[in-house]
Amino acid sequence: MNDIHIRTDVLRQSANGLQEAAAAVGPAGHWLDSSFTAAATMTAWESGPALKDCATAWQTHMKSAVDQLHRYAEQLRDSAHSYDRAEQEATRRVTAALTDLQGTAGTGQ
């Protein structure tokens, strides 16, 4: 039988790492401000609206990526919490079973 051990502290560390990565991006798309500024000054050119469309698409994509990082971090935390609860419940049940066995051993049943 395989013995599986989940390290919930590592799950939480990974969640924190994802959260930090999301925060490092900053306001999603803020670094595209110069592209929007350039696009606004080139309205008479075909490249102006194309640049704006490209910057908007990247901004949307980056916001989606940041949102996913936050969601995955939360899911890792939820998993760690679920594993901790399951471990506590298993420990409680084993302790209760051992207590019951010890109680019946003394009565000869």
Protein backbone atom coordinates (compact mmCIF):
# COMPACT_ATOMS: atom_id res chain seq x y z
CA MET A 1 0.00 0.00 0.00
CA ASN A 2 1.32 3.44 -0.88
CA ASP A 3 1.71 5.93 1.91
CA ILE A 4 0.68 9.41 0.81
CA HIS A 5 1.59 12.38 2.95
CA ILE A 6 0.33 15.85 2.09
CA ARG A 7 2.40 18.71 3.45
CA THR A 8 -0.19 21.41 4.00
CA ASP A 9 2.51 23.92 4.94
CA VAL A 10 3.96 23.52 1.43
CA LEU A 11 0.51 23.98 -0.11
CA ARG A 12 0.17 27.23 1.84
CA GLN A 13 3.67 28.35 0.82
CA SER A 14 2.80 27.68 -2.81
CA ALA A 15 -0.41 29.67 -2.41
CA ASN A 16 1.58 32.57 -0.98
CA GLY A 17 4.01 32.34 -3.91
CA LEU A 18 1.15 32.57 -6.40
CA GLN A 19 -0.30 35.52 -4.49
CA GLU A 20 3.09 37.28 -4.56
CA ALA A 21 3.47 36.62 -8.29
CA ALA A 22 0.05 38.15 -8.91
CA ALA A 23 0.95 41.19 -6.80
CA ALA A 24 4.25 41.60 -8.67
CA VAL A 25 2.37 42.16 -11.91
CA GLY A 26 0.79 45.18 -10.26
CA PRO A 27 -2.39 46.67 -11.60
CA ALA A 28 -2.95 44.44 -14.61
CA GLY A 29 -1.95 46.30 -17.72
CA HIS A 30 -0.61 49.41 -15.95
CA TRP A 31 2.65 48.90 -17.81
CA LEU A 32 0.68 49.32 -21.05
CA ASP A 33 -0.10 52.97 -20.34
CA SER A 34 2.55 54.17 -22.80
CA SER A 35 0.98 52.01 -25.52
CA PHE A 36 -2.41 53.61 -24.90
CA THR A 37 -0.80 57.06 -24.93
CA ALA A 38 0.97 56.31 -28.22
CA ALA A 39 -2.23 54.91 -29.73
CA ALA A 40 -4.11 58.07 -28.76
CA THR A 41 -1.58 60.25 -30.59
CA MET A 42 -1.76 58.17 -33.78
CA THR A 43 -5.49 58.24 -34.47
CA ALA A 44 -4.96 59.34 -38.08
CA TRP A 45 -2.79 56.31 -38.75
CA GLU A 46 -4.04 52.74 -39.07
CA SER A 47 -1.42 51.69 -36.55
CA GLY A 48 -2.97 53.84 -33.79
CA PRO A 49 -6.23 51.89 -33.44
CA ALA A 50 -4.34 48.62 -34.02
CA LEU A 51 -1.95 49.46 -31.17
CA LYS A 52 -4.90 50.33 -28.94
CA ASP A 53 -6.60 47.02 -29.79
CA CYS A 54 -3.38 45.11 -29.10
CA ALA A 55 -2.81 46.88 -25.76
CA THR A 56 -6.44 46.28 -24.77
CA ALA A 57 -6.12 42.58 -25.63
CA TRP A 58 -2.91 42.28 -23.57
CA GLN A 59 -4.51 44.15 -20.69
CA THR A 60 -7.47 41.75 -20.74
CA HIS A 61 -5.14 38.75 -20.96
CA MET A 62 -2.97 39.91 -18.06
CA LYS A 63 -6.00 40.64 -15.88
CA SER A 64 -7.24 37.12 -16.61
CA ALA A 65 -3.82 35.64 -15.72
CA VAL A 66 -3.69 37.60 -12.44
CA ASP A 67 -7.24 36.53 -11.59
CA GLN A 68 -6.26 32.89 -12.23
CA LEU A 69 -3.23 33.21 -9.94
CA HIS A 70 -5.48 34.52 -7.16
CA ARG A 71 -8.02 31.74 -7.77
CA TYR A 72 -5.34 29.02 -7.74
CA ALA A 73 -3.83 30.43 -4.55
CA GLU A 74 -7.24 30.30 -2.87
CA GLN A 75 -7.80 26.74 -4.10
CA LEU A 76 -4.45 25.64 -2.67
CA ARG A 77 -5.36 27.20 0.68
CA ASP A 78 -8.76 25.49 0.60
CA SER A 79 -7.07 22.15 -0.17
CA ALA A 80 -4.62 22.58 2.70
CA HIS A 81 -7.50 23.37 5.05
CA SER A 82 -9.46 20.31 3.83
CA TYR A 83 -6.46 18.02 4.33
CA ASP A 84 -5.92 19.41 7.83
CA ARG A 85 -9.59 18.84 8.71
CA ALA A 86 -9.51 15.30 7.31
CA GLU A 87 -6.35 14.52 9.29
CA GLN A 88 -7.92 15.86 12.49
CA GLU A 89 -11.08 13.83 11.90
CA ALA A 90 -9.09 10.65 11.20
CA THR A 91 -7.08 11.17 14.38
CA ARG A 92 -10.27 11.73 16.36
CA ARG A 93 -11.86 8.55 15.00
CA VAL A 94 -8.79 6.39 15.63
CA THR A 95 -8.53 7.76 19.16
CA ALA A 96 -12.23 7.04 19.77
CA ALA A 97 -11.86 3.50 18.39
CA LEU A 98 -8.83 2.81 20.59
CA THR A 99 -10.66 4.20 23.61
CA ASP A 100 -13.62 1.93 22.87
CA LEU A 101 -11.34 -1.10 22.46
CA GLN A 102 -9.55 -0.38 25.71
CA GLY A 103 -12.87 0.05 27.49
CA THR A 104 -14.25 -3.29 26.27
CA ALA A 105 -10.98 -5.15 26.96
CA GLY A 106 -11.31 -4.46 30.68
CA THR A 107 -14.89 -5.75 30.84
CA GLY A 108 -14.13 -9.09 29.20
CA GLN A 109 -16.46 -8.50 26.27
